[in-house]
Amino acid sequence: MGWFTTTEVDRFADSLVADMMKRVPPTSLSEARTSSKRFGRMTEVLSDQARAFAREHRPNFYKRARLGNRVKWALKEAGYPEAFVDAFTTELITLVTVAAKG
């Protein structure tokens, strides 16, 4: 019955959101001084974490949906813009899906 067990997914989602908030706080997205270098580094680190998680845990589609939903709502509650949240969540789930299959 491990198919519905989401402990690892929840833990990963929480750590991913915490890392995102530390690296790029929601208020920094509206600032013109937020550099593309900063976003590039954030993307690289979070992508590596997502790939490692997907390879280790091989989440099924239920767990990937849980991950996306948990990350999406946590980012919305943290105050990130809706367009950013949607784009980030879509990219995250795509990355996890591809990494888990490969």
PDB file of N, CA and C in Angstrom:
ATOM      1  N   MET A   1       0.818  -1.205   0.000  1.00  0.00           N
ATOM      2  CA  MET A   1       0.000   0.000   0.000  1.00  0.00           C
ATOM      3  C   MET A   1       0.858   1.264   0.000  1.00  0.00           C
ATOM      4  N   GLY A   2       2.109   1.155  -0.368  1.00  0.00           N
ATOM      5  CA  GLY A   2       2.983   2.308  -0.427  1.00  0.00           C
ATOM      6  C   GLY A   2       2.631   3.263  -1.547  1.00  0.00           C
ATOM      7  N   TRP A   3       1.697   2.849  -2.386  1.00  0.00           N
ATOM      8  CA  TRP A   3       1.302   3.650  -3.529  1.00  0.00           C
ATOM      9  C   TRP A   3       0.733   4.996  -3.104  1.00  0.00           C
ATOM     10  N   PHE A   4       0.029   5.017  -1.965  1.00  0.00           N
ATOM     11  CA  PHE A   4      -0.604   6.240  -1.474  1.00  0.00           C
ATOM     12  C   PHE A   4       0.177   6.900  -0.338  1.00  0.00           C
ATOM     13  N   THR A   5       1.286   6.339   0.067  1.00  0.00           N
ATOM     14  CA  THR A   5       2.083   6.913   1.140  1.00  0.00           C
ATOM     15  C   THR A   5       2.853   8.117   0.617  1.00  0.00           C
ATOM     16  N   THR A   6       2.602   9.272   1.196  1.00  0.00           N
ATOM     17  CA  THR A   6       3.186  10.512   0.665  1.00  0.00           C
ATOM     18  C   THR A   6       4.122  11.212   1.652  1.00  0.00           C
ATOM     19  N   THR A   7       4.605  10.505   2.628  1.00  0.00           N
ATOM     20  CA  THR A   7       5.477  11.123   3.627  1.00  0.00           C
ATOM     21  C   THR A   7       6.704  11.761   2.993  1.00  0.00           C
ATOM     22  N   GLU A   8       7.378  11.016   2.124  1.00  0.00           N
ATOM     23  CA  GLU A   8       8.583  11.554   1.483  1.00  0.00           C
ATOM     24  C   GLU A   8       8.240  12.733   0.562  1.00  0.00           C
ATOM     25  N   VAL A   9       7.138  12.622  -0.141  1.00  0.00           N
ATOM     26  CA  VAL A   9       6.707  13.689  -1.049  1.00  0.00           C
ATOM     27  C   VAL A   9       6.414  14.963  -0.266  1.00  0.00           C
ATOM     28  N   ASP A  10       5.702  14.833   0.838  1.00  0.00           N
ATOM     29  CA  ASP A  10       5.377  16.003   1.654  1.00  0.00           C
ATOM     30  C   ASP A  10       6.641  16.652   2.214  1.00  0.00           C
ATOM     31  N   ARG A  11       7.551  15.824   2.677  1.00  0.00           N
ATOM     32  CA  ARG A  11       8.812  16.324   3.229  1.00  0.00           C
ATOM     33  C   ARG A  11       9.614  17.062   2.148  1.00  0.00           C
ATOM     34  N   PHE A  12       9.676  16.480   0.953  1.00  0.00           N
ATOM     35  CA  PHE A  12      10.403  17.109  -0.138  1.00  0.00           C
ATOM     36  C   PHE A  12       9.746  18.419  -0.559  1.00  0.00           C
ATOM     37  N   ALA A  13       8.432  18.431  -0.665  1.00  0.00           N
ATOM     38  CA  ALA A  13       7.708  19.654  -1.048  1.00  0.00           C
ATOM     39  C   ALA A  13       7.975  20.773  -0.042  1.00  0.00           C
ATOM     40  N   ASP A  14       7.914  20.450   1.235  1.00  0.00           N
ATOM     41  CA  ASP A  14       8.151  21.459   2.267  1.00  0.00           C
ATOM     42  C   ASP A  14       9.578  22.004   2.205  1.00  0.00           C
ATOM     43  N   SER A  15      10.544  21.124   1.995  1.00  0.00           N
ATOM     44  CA  SER A  15      11.934  21.579   1.927  1.00  0.00           C
ATOM     45  C   SER A  15      12.182  22.402   0.664  1.00  0.00           C
ATOM     46  N   LEU A  16      11.545  22.024  -0.428  1.00  0.00           N
ATOM     47  CA  LEU A  16      11.690  22.758  -1.687  1.00  0.00           C
ATOM     48  C   LEU A  16      11.134  24.176  -1.551  1.00  0.00           C
ATOM     49  N   VAL A  17       9.984  24.295  -0.952  1.00  0.00           N
ATOM     50  CA  VAL A  17       9.371  25.619  -0.763  1.00  0.00           C
ATOM     51  C   VAL A  17      10.209  26.456   0.205  1.00  0.00           C
ATOM     52  N   ALA A  18      10.693  25.850   1.264  1.00  0.00           N
ATOM     53  CA  ALA A  18      11.536  26.584   2.221  1.00  0.00           C
ATOM     54  C   ALA A  18      12.809  27.081   1.548  1.00  0.00           C
ATOM     55  N   ASP A  19      13.412  26.243   0.717  1.00  0.00           N
ATOM     56  CA  ASP A  19      14.619  26.632   0.000  1.00  0.00           C
ATOM     57  C   ASP A  19      14.325  27.765  -0.978  1.00  0.00           C
ATOM     58  N   MET A  20      13.199  27.677  -1.661  1.00  0.00           N
ATOM     59  CA  MET A  20      12.788  28.720  -2.603  1.00  0.00           C
ATOM     60  C   MET A  20      12.598  30.046  -1.871  1.00  0.00           C
ATOM     61  N   MET A  21      11.930  30.014  -0.737  1.00  0.00           N
ATOM     62  CA  MET A  21      11.666  31.234   0.017  1.00  0.00           C
ATOM     63  C   MET A  21      12.959  31.864   0.530  1.00  0.00           C
ATOM     64  N   LYS A  22      13.931  31.030   0.834  1.00  0.00           N
ATOM     65  CA  LYS A  22      15.213  31.539   1.299  1.00  0.00           C
ATOM     66  C   LYS A  22      16.004  32.160   0.152  1.00  0.00           C
ATOM     67  N   ARG A  23      16.004  31.498  -0.999  1.00  0.00           N
ATOM     68  CA  ARG A  23      16.795  31.964  -2.142  1.00  0.00           C
ATOM     69  C   ARG A  23      16.160  33.152  -2.866  1.00  0.00           C
ATOM     70  N   VAL A  24      14.848  33.070  -3.071  1.00  0.00           N
ATOM     71  CA  VAL A  24      14.129  34.140  -3.786  1.00  0.00           C
ATOM     72  C   VAL A  24      12.815  34.407  -3.041  1.00  0.00           C
ATOM     73  N   PRO A  25      12.850  35.312  -2.059  1.00  0.00           N
ATOM     74  CA  PRO A  25      11.620  35.637  -1.330  1.00  0.00           C
ATOM     75  C   PRO A  25      10.564  36.232  -2.271  1.00  0.00           C
ATOM     76  N   PRO A  26       9.303  36.088  -1.934  1.00  0.00           N
ATOM     77  CA  PRO A  26       8.233  36.589  -2.804  1.00  0.00           C
ATOM     78  C   PRO A  26       8.353  38.086  -3.108  1.00  0.00           C
ATOM     79  N   THR A  27       8.823  38.848  -2.158  1.00  0.00           N
ATOM     80  CA  THR A  27       8.930  40.298  -2.377  1.00  0.00           C
ATOM     81  C   THR A  27      10.029  40.647  -3.368  1.00  0.00           C
ATOM     82  N   SER A  28      10.998  39.772  -3.535  1.00  0.00           N
ATOM     83  CA  SER A  28      12.112  40.077  -4.443  1.00  0.00           C
ATOM     84  C   SER A  28      11.719  39.942  -5.909  1.00  0.00           C
ATOM     85  N   LEU A  29      10.611  39.269  -6.197  1.00  0.00           N
ATOM     86  CA  LEU A  29      10.187  39.100  -7.587  1.00  0.00           C
ATOM     87  C   LEU A  29       9.737  40.411  -8.213  1.00  0.00           C
ATOM     88  N   SER A  30       9.255  41.316  -7.412  1.00  0.00           N
ATOM     89  CA  SER A  30       8.791  42.595  -7.950  1.00  0.00           C
ATOM     90  C   SER A  30       9.909  43.629  -8.032  1.00  0.00           C
ATOM     91  N   GLU A  31      11.060  43.313  -7.475  1.00  0.00           N
ATOM     92  CA  GLU A  31      12.179  44.243  -7.489  1.00  0.00           C
ATOM     93  C   GLU A  31      12.954  44.124  -8.794  1.00  0.00           C
ATOM     94  N   ALA A  32      13.312  45.236  -9.349  1.00  0.00           N
ATOM     95  CA  ALA A  32      14.062  45.249 -10.604  1.00  0.00           C
ATOM     96  C   ALA A  32      15.486  44.736 -10.413  1.00  0.00           C
ATOM     97  N   ARG A  33      15.983  44.773  -9.197  1.00  0.00           N
ATOM     98  CA  ARG A  33      17.370  44.369  -8.972  1.00  0.00           C
ATOM     99  C   ARG A  33      17.556  42.854  -8.868  1.00  0.00           C
ATOM    100  N   THR A  34      16.478  42.100  -8.888  1.00  0.00           N
ATOM    101  CA  THR A  34      16.586  40.650  -8.856  1.00  0.00           C
ATOM    102  C   THR A  34      17.241  40.207 -10.165  1.00  0.00           C
ATOM    103  N   SER A  35      18.408  39.640 -10.047  1.00  0.00           N
ATOM    104  CA  SER A  35      19.186  39.338 -11.250  1.00  0.00           C
ATOM    105  C   SER A  35      18.819  37.987 -11.859  1.00  0.00           C
ATOM    106  N   SER A  36      19.096  37.888 -13.147  1.00  0.00           N
ATOM    107  CA  SER A  36      18.875  36.608 -13.823  1.00  0.00           C
ATOM    108  C   SER A  36      19.876  35.575 -13.332  1.00  0.00           C
ATOM    109  N   LYS A  37      21.028  36.020 -12.865  1.00  0.00           N
ATOM    110  CA  LYS A  37      22.029  35.107 -12.303  1.00  0.00           C
ATOM    111  C   LYS A  37      21.472  34.425 -11.051  1.00  0.00           C
ATOM    112  N   ARG A  38      20.775  35.202 -10.235  1.00  0.00           N
ATOM    113  CA  ARG A  38      20.171  34.665  -9.012  1.00  0.00           C
ATOM    114  C   ARG A  38      19.113  33.616  -9.355  1.00  0.00           C
ATOM    115  N   PHE A  39      18.269  33.915 -10.347  1.00  0.00           N
ATOM    116  CA  PHE A  39      17.255  32.955 -10.785  1.00  0.00           C
ATOM    117  C   PHE A  39      17.902  31.724 -11.399  1.00  0.00           C
ATOM    118  N   GLY A  40      18.958  31.933 -12.161  1.00  0.00           N
ATOM    119  CA  GLY A  40      19.661  30.805 -12.779  1.00  0.00           C
ATOM    120  C   GLY A  40      20.220  29.855 -11.743  1.00  0.00           C
ATOM    121  N   ARG A  41      20.818  30.395 -10.713  1.00  0.00           N
ATOM    122  CA  ARG A  41      21.376  29.564  -9.638  1.00  0.00           C
ATOM    123  C   ARG A  41      20.263  28.835  -8.893  1.00  0.00           C
ATOM    124  N   MET A  42      19.175  29.558  -8.608  1.00  0.00           N
ATOM    125  CA  MET A  42      18.052  28.939  -7.909  1.00  0.00           C
ATOM    126  C   MET A  42      17.491  27.784  -8.733  1.00  0.00           C
ATOM    127  N   THR A  43      17.317  28.020 -10.018  1.00  0.00           N
ATOM    128  CA  THR A  43      16.774  27.000 -10.902  1.00  0.00           C
ATOM    129  C   THR A  43      17.678  25.777 -10.945  1.00  0.00           C
ATOM    130  N   GLU A  44      18.969  26.007 -11.026  1.00  0.00           N
ATOM    131  CA  GLU A  44      19.926  24.901 -11.075  1.00  0.00           C
ATOM    132  C   GLU A  44      19.872  24.051  -9.803  1.00  0.00           C
ATOM    133  N   VAL A  45      19.875  24.692  -8.659  1.00  0.00           N
ATOM    134  CA  VAL A  45      19.868  23.967  -7.384  1.00  0.00           C
ATOM    135  C   VAL A  45      18.559  23.202  -7.198  1.00  0.00           C
ATOM    136  N   LEU A  46      17.432  23.870  -7.431  1.00  0.00           N
ATOM    137  CA  LEU A  46      16.142  23.219  -7.236  1.00  0.00           C
ATOM    138  C   LEU A  46      15.917  22.102  -8.259  1.00  0.00           C
ATOM    139  N   SER A  47      16.409  22.278  -9.474  1.00  0.00           N
ATOM    140  CA  SER A  47      16.300  21.230 -10.495  1.00  0.00           C
ATOM    141  C   SER A  47      17.098  19.998 -10.087  1.00  0.00           C
ATOM    142  N   ASP A  48      18.294  20.216  -9.568  1.00  0.00           N
ATOM    143  CA  ASP A  48      19.118  19.093  -9.104  1.00  0.00           C
ATOM    144  C   ASP A  48      18.424  18.340  -7.969  1.00  0.00           C
ATOM    145  N   GLN A  49      17.821  19.081  -7.051  1.00  0.00           N
ATOM    146  CA  GLN A  49      17.098  18.457  -5.941  1.00  0.00           C
ATOM    147  C   GLN A  49      15.913  17.643  -6.454  1.00  0.00           C
ATOM    148  N   ALA A  50      15.180  18.196  -7.395  1.00  0.00           N
ATOM    149  CA  ALA A  50      14.004  17.515  -7.948  1.00  0.00           C
ATOM    150  C   ALA A  50      14.412  16.240  -8.686  1.00  0.00           C
ATOM    151  N   ARG A  51      15.472  16.316  -9.482  1.00  0.00           N
ATOM    152  CA  ARG A  51      15.946  15.126 -10.202  1.00  0.00           C
ATOM    153  C   ARG A  51      16.392  14.033  -9.237  1.00  0.00           C
ATOM    154  N   ALA A  52      17.128  14.424  -8.210  1.00  0.00           N
ATOM    155  CA  ALA A  52      17.613  13.449  -7.222  1.00  0.00           C
ATOM    156  C   ALA A  52      16.437  12.784  -6.501  1.00  0.00           C
ATOM    157  N   PHE A  53      15.451  13.578  -6.129  1.00  0.00           N
ATOM    158  CA  PHE A  53      14.268  13.030  -5.467  1.00  0.00           C
ATOM    159  C   PHE A  53      13.552  12.042  -6.387  1.00  0.00           C
ATOM    160  N   ALA A  54      13.361  12.431  -7.636  1.00  0.00           N
ATOM    161  CA  ALA A  54      12.629  11.587  -8.592  1.00  0.00           C
ATOM    162  C   ALA A  54      13.365  10.276  -8.844  1.00  0.00           C
ATOM    163  N   ARG A  55      14.685  10.336  -8.976  1.00  0.00           N
ATOM    164  CA  ARG A  55      15.449   9.105  -9.213  1.00  0.00           C
ATOM    165  C   ARG A  55      15.413   8.173  -8.014  1.00  0.00           C
ATOM    166  N   GLU A  56      15.468   8.749  -6.830  1.00  0.00           N
ATOM    167  CA  GLU A  56      15.499   7.934  -5.614  1.00  0.00           C
ATOM    168  C   GLU A  56      14.139   7.338  -5.272  1.00  0.00           C
ATOM    169  N   HIS A  57      13.087   8.121  -5.407  1.00  0.00           N
ATOM    170  CA  HIS A  57      11.757   7.694  -4.948  1.00  0.00           C
ATOM    171  C   HIS A  57      10.829   7.209  -6.053  1.00  0.00           C
ATOM    172  N   ARG A  58      11.117   7.519  -7.308  1.00  0.00           N
ATOM    173  CA  ARG A  58      10.277   7.112  -8.443  1.00  0.00           C
ATOM    174  C   ARG A  58       8.787   7.329  -8.140  1.00  0.00           C
ATOM    175  N   PRO A  59       8.387   8.594  -7.932  1.00  0.00           N
ATOM    176  CA  PRO A  59       6.994   8.851  -7.559  1.00  0.00           C
ATOM    177  C   PRO A  59       6.009   8.490  -8.672  1.00  0.00           C
ATOM    178  N   ASN A  60       4.928   7.835  -8.281  1.00  0.00           N
ATOM    179  CA  ASN A  60       3.871   7.514  -9.246  1.00  0.00           C
ATOM    180  C   ASN A  60       3.052   8.775  -9.529  1.00  0.00           C
ATOM    181  N   PHE A  61       2.046   8.666 -10.400  1.00  0.00           N
ATOM    182  CA  PHE A  61       1.326   9.890 -10.782  1.00  0.00           C
ATOM    183  C   PHE A  61       0.549  10.492  -9.616  1.00  0.00           C
ATOM    184  N   TYR A  62       0.090   9.687  -8.669  1.00  0.00           N
ATOM    185  CA  TYR A  62      -0.594  10.218  -7.492  1.00  0.00           C
ATOM    186  C   TYR A  62       0.373  11.067  -6.658  1.00  0.00           C
ATOM    187  N   LYS A  63       1.572  10.560  -6.459  1.00  0.00           N
ATOM    188  CA  LYS A  63       2.565  11.285  -5.660  1.00  0.00           C
ATOM    189  C   LYS A  63       3.055  12.536  -6.377  1.00  0.00           C
ATOM    190  N   ARG A  64       3.174  12.485  -7.693  1.00  0.00           N
ATOM    191  CA  ARG A  64       3.563  13.686  -8.446  1.00  0.00           C
ATOM    192  C   ARG A  64       2.470  14.748  -8.350  1.00  0.00           C
ATOM    193  N   ALA A  65       1.224  14.320  -8.411  1.00  0.00           N
ATOM    194  CA  ALA A  65       0.107  15.264  -8.270  1.00  0.00           C
ATOM    195  C   ALA A  65       0.103  15.867  -6.865  1.00  0.00           C
ATOM    196  N   ARG A  66       0.370  15.060  -5.882  1.00  0.00           N
ATOM    197  CA  ARG A  66       0.436  15.536  -4.494  1.00  0.00           C
ATOM    198  C   ARG A  66       1.562  16.563  -4.345  1.00  0.00           C
ATOM    199  N   LEU A  67       2.709  16.260  -4.934  1.00  0.00           N
ATOM    200  CA  LEU A  67       3.844  17.175  -4.877  1.00  0.00           C
ATOM    201  C   LEU A  67       3.479  18.517  -5.514  1.00  0.00           C
ATOM    202  N   GLY A  68       2.917  18.478  -6.706  1.00  0.00           N
ATOM    203  CA  GLY A  68       2.548  19.709  -7.383  1.00  0.00           C
ATOM    204  C   GLY A  68       1.537  20.522  -6.607  1.00  0.00           C
ATOM    205  N   ASN A  69       0.535  19.860  -6.081  1.00  0.00           N
ATOM    206  CA  ASN A  69      -0.505  20.552  -5.327  1.00  0.00           C
ATOM    207  C   ASN A  69       0.057  21.180  -4.053  1.00  0.00           C
ATOM    208  N   ARG A  70       0.879  20.436  -3.353  1.00  0.00           N
ATOM    209  CA  ARG A  70       1.439  20.944  -2.093  1.00  0.00           C
ATOM    210  C   ARG A  70       2.363  22.141  -2.342  1.00  0.00           C
ATOM    211  N   VAL A  71       3.210  22.041  -3.362  1.00  0.00           N
ATOM    212  CA  VAL A  71       4.119  23.137  -3.682  1.00  0.00           C
ATOM    213  C   VAL A  71       3.326  24.356  -4.154  1.00  0.00           C
ATOM    214  N   LYS A  72       2.355  24.130  -5.011  1.00  0.00           N
ATOM    215  CA  LYS A  72       1.559  25.238  -5.552  1.00  0.00           C
ATOM    216  C   LYS A  72       0.876  26.033  -4.444  1.00  0.00           C
ATOM    217  N   TRP A  73       0.208  25.340  -3.530  1.00  0.00           N
ATOM    218  CA  TRP A  73      -0.514  26.046  -2.477  1.00  0.00           C
ATOM    219  C   TRP A  73       0.421  26.687  -1.470  1.00  0.00           C
ATOM    220  N   ALA A  74       1.548  26.073  -1.199  1.00  0.00           N
ATOM    221  CA  ALA A  74       2.516  26.672  -0.269  1.00  0.00           C
ATOM    222  C   ALA A  74       3.090  27.961  -0.847  1.00  0.00           C
ATOM    223  N   LEU A  75       3.389  27.953  -2.146  1.00  0.00           N
ATOM    224  CA  LEU A  75       3.917  29.164  -2.785  1.00  0.00           C
ATOM    225  C   LEU A  75       2.866  30.267  -2.849  1.00  0.00           C
ATOM    226  N   LYS A  76       1.621  29.894  -3.127  1.00  0.00           N
ATOM    227  CA  LYS A  76       0.543  30.890  -3.148  1.00  0.00           C
ATOM    228  C   LYS A  76       0.372  31.517  -1.764  1.00  0.00           C
ATOM    229  N   GLU A  77       0.371  30.678  -0.733  1.00  0.00           N
ATOM    230  CA  GLU A  77       0.209  31.178   0.631  1.00  0.00           C
ATOM    231  C   GLU A  77       1.390  32.042   1.055  1.00  0.00           C
ATOM    232  N   ALA A  78       2.560  31.784   0.490  1.00  0.00           N
ATOM    233  CA  ALA A  78       3.745  32.579   0.816  1.00  0.00           C
ATOM    234  C   ALA A  78       3.730  33.938   0.128  1.00  0.00           C
ATOM    235  N   GLY A  79       2.846  34.119  -0.862  1.00  0.00           N
ATOM    236  CA  GLY A  79       2.708  35.405  -1.498  1.00  0.00           C
ATOM    237  C   GLY A  79       3.365  35.546  -2.862  1.00  0.00           C
ATOM    238  N   TYR A  80       3.754  34.431  -3.471  1.00  0.00           N
ATOM    239  CA  TYR A  80       4.322  34.486  -4.815  1.00  0.00           C
ATOM    240  C   TYR A  80       3.209  34.792  -5.820  1.00  0.00           C
ATOM    241  N   PRO A  81       3.526  35.509  -6.906  1.00  0.00           N
ATOM    242  CA  PRO A  81       2.515  35.817  -7.929  1.00  0.00           C
ATOM    243  C   PRO A  81       1.973  34.544  -8.582  1.00  0.00           C
ATOM    244  N   GLU A  82       0.713  34.573  -8.925  1.00  0.00           N
ATOM    245  CA  GLU A  82       0.033  33.398  -9.488  1.00  0.00           C
ATOM    246  C   GLU A  82       0.714  32.859 -10.748  1.00  0.00           C
ATOM    247  N   ALA A  83       1.112  33.744 -11.640  1.00  0.00           N
ATOM    248  CA  ALA A  83       1.764  33.296 -12.881  1.00  0.00           C
ATOM    249  C   ALA A  83       3.080  32.584 -12.583  1.00  0.00           C
ATOM    250  N   PHE A  84       3.835  33.096 -11.628  1.00  0.00           N
ATOM    251  CA  PHE A  84       5.094  32.465 -11.235  1.00  0.00           C
ATOM    252  C   PHE A  84       4.826  31.087 -10.634  1.00  0.00           C
ATOM    253  N   VAL A  85       3.838  31.009  -9.750  1.00  0.00           N
ATOM    254  CA  VAL A  85       3.500  29.742  -9.089  1.00  0.00           C
ATOM    255  C   VAL A  85       3.098  28.690 -10.119  1.00  0.00           C
ATOM    256  N   ASP A  86       2.245  29.061 -11.047  1.00  0.00           N
ATOM    257  CA  ASP A  86       1.793  28.119 -12.080  1.00  0.00           C
ATOM    258  C   ASP A  86       2.952  27.639 -12.943  1.00  0.00           C
ATOM    259  N   ALA A  87       3.794  28.562 -13.368  1.00  0.00           N
ATOM    260  CA  ALA A  87       4.938  28.188 -14.215  1.00  0.00           C
ATOM    261  C   ALA A  87       5.921  27.307 -13.451  1.00  0.00           C
ATOM    262  N   PHE A  88       6.216  27.662 -12.212  1.00  0.00           N
ATOM    263  CA  PHE A  88       7.162  26.886 -11.410  1.00  0.00           C
ATOM    264  C   PHE A  88       6.639  25.478 -11.167  1.00  0.00           C
ATOM    265  N   THR A  89       5.376  25.372 -10.803  1.00  0.00           N
ATOM    266  CA  THR A  89       4.781  24.067 -10.513  1.00  0.00           C
ATOM    267  C   THR A  89       4.755  23.176 -11.750  1.00  0.00           C
ATOM    268  N   THR A  90       4.394  23.741 -12.878  1.00  0.00           N
ATOM    269  CA  THR A  90       4.376  22.975 -14.124  1.00  0.00           C
ATOM    270  C   THR A  90       5.765  22.461 -14.470  1.00  0.00           C
ATOM    271  N   GLU A  91       6.761  23.318 -14.375  1.00  0.00           N
ATOM    272  CA  GLU A  91       8.137  22.910 -14.675  1.00  0.00           C
ATOM    273  C   GLU A  91       8.632  21.854 -13.694  1.00  0.00           C
ATOM    274  N   LEU A  92       8.292  22.009 -12.421  1.00  0.00           N
ATOM    275  CA  LEU A  92       8.713  21.052 -11.399  1.00  0.00           C
ATOM    276  C   LEU A  92       8.154  19.661 -11.695  1.00  0.00           C
ATOM    277  N   ILE A  93       6.871  19.583 -11.952  1.00  0.00           N
ATOM    278  CA  ILE A  93       6.242  18.275 -12.196  1.00  0.00           C
ATOM    279  C   ILE A  93       6.745  17.659 -13.489  1.00  0.00           C
ATOM    280  N   THR A  94       6.974  18.464 -14.492  1.00  0.00           N
ATOM    281  CA  THR A  94       7.542  17.949 -15.752  1.00  0.00           C
ATOM    282  C   THR A  94       8.930  17.381 -15.502  1.00  0.00           C
ATOM    283  N   LEU A  95       9.742  18.105 -14.764  1.00  0.00           N
ATOM    284  CA  LEU A  95      11.100  17.665 -14.450  1.00  0.00           C
ATOM    285  C   LEU A  95      11.090  16.362 -13.645  1.00  0.00           C
ATOM    286  N   VAL A  96      10.239  16.282 -12.646  1.00  0.00           N
ATOM    287  CA  VAL A  96      10.153  15.074 -11.819  1.00  0.00           C
ATOM    288  C   VAL A  96       9.659  13.894 -12.634  1.00  0.00           C
ATOM    289  N   THR A  97       8.696  14.119 -13.507  1.00  0.00           N
ATOM    290  CA  THR A  97       8.160  13.053 -14.340  1.00  0.00           C
ATOM    291  C   THR A  97       9.223  12.496 -15.275  1.00  0.00           C
ATOM    292  N   VAL A  98       9.946  13.376 -15.939  1.00  0.00           N
ATOM    293  CA  VAL A  98      10.990  12.942 -16.873  1.00  0.00           C
ATOM    294  C   VAL A  98      12.107  12.220 -16.131  1.00  0.00           C
ATOM    295  N   ALA A  99      12.528  12.760 -14.992  1.00  0.00           N
ATOM    296  CA  ALA A  99      13.614  12.143 -14.231  1.00  0.00           C
ATOM    297  C   ALA A  99      13.199  10.772 -13.677  1.00  0.00           C
ATOM    298  N   ALA A 100      11.964  10.643 -13.254  1.00  0.00           N
ATOM    299  CA  ALA A 100      11.491   9.368 -12.696  1.00  0.00           C
ATOM    300  C   ALA A 100      11.402   8.293 -13.776  1.00  0.00           C
ATOM    301  N   LYS A 101      11.099   8.692 -15.003  1.00  0.00           N
ATOM    302  CA  LYS A 101      10.988   7.729 -16.105  1.00  0.00           C
ATOM    303  C   LYS A 101      12.350   7.308 -16.629  1.00  0.00           C
ATOM    304  N   GLY A 102      13.343   8.187 -16.488  1.00  0.00           N
ATOM    305  CA  GLY A 102      14.661   7.940 -17.058  1.00  0.00           C
ATOM    306  C   GLY A 102      15.544   7.213 -16.193  1.00  0.00           C
TER     307      GLY A 102
END
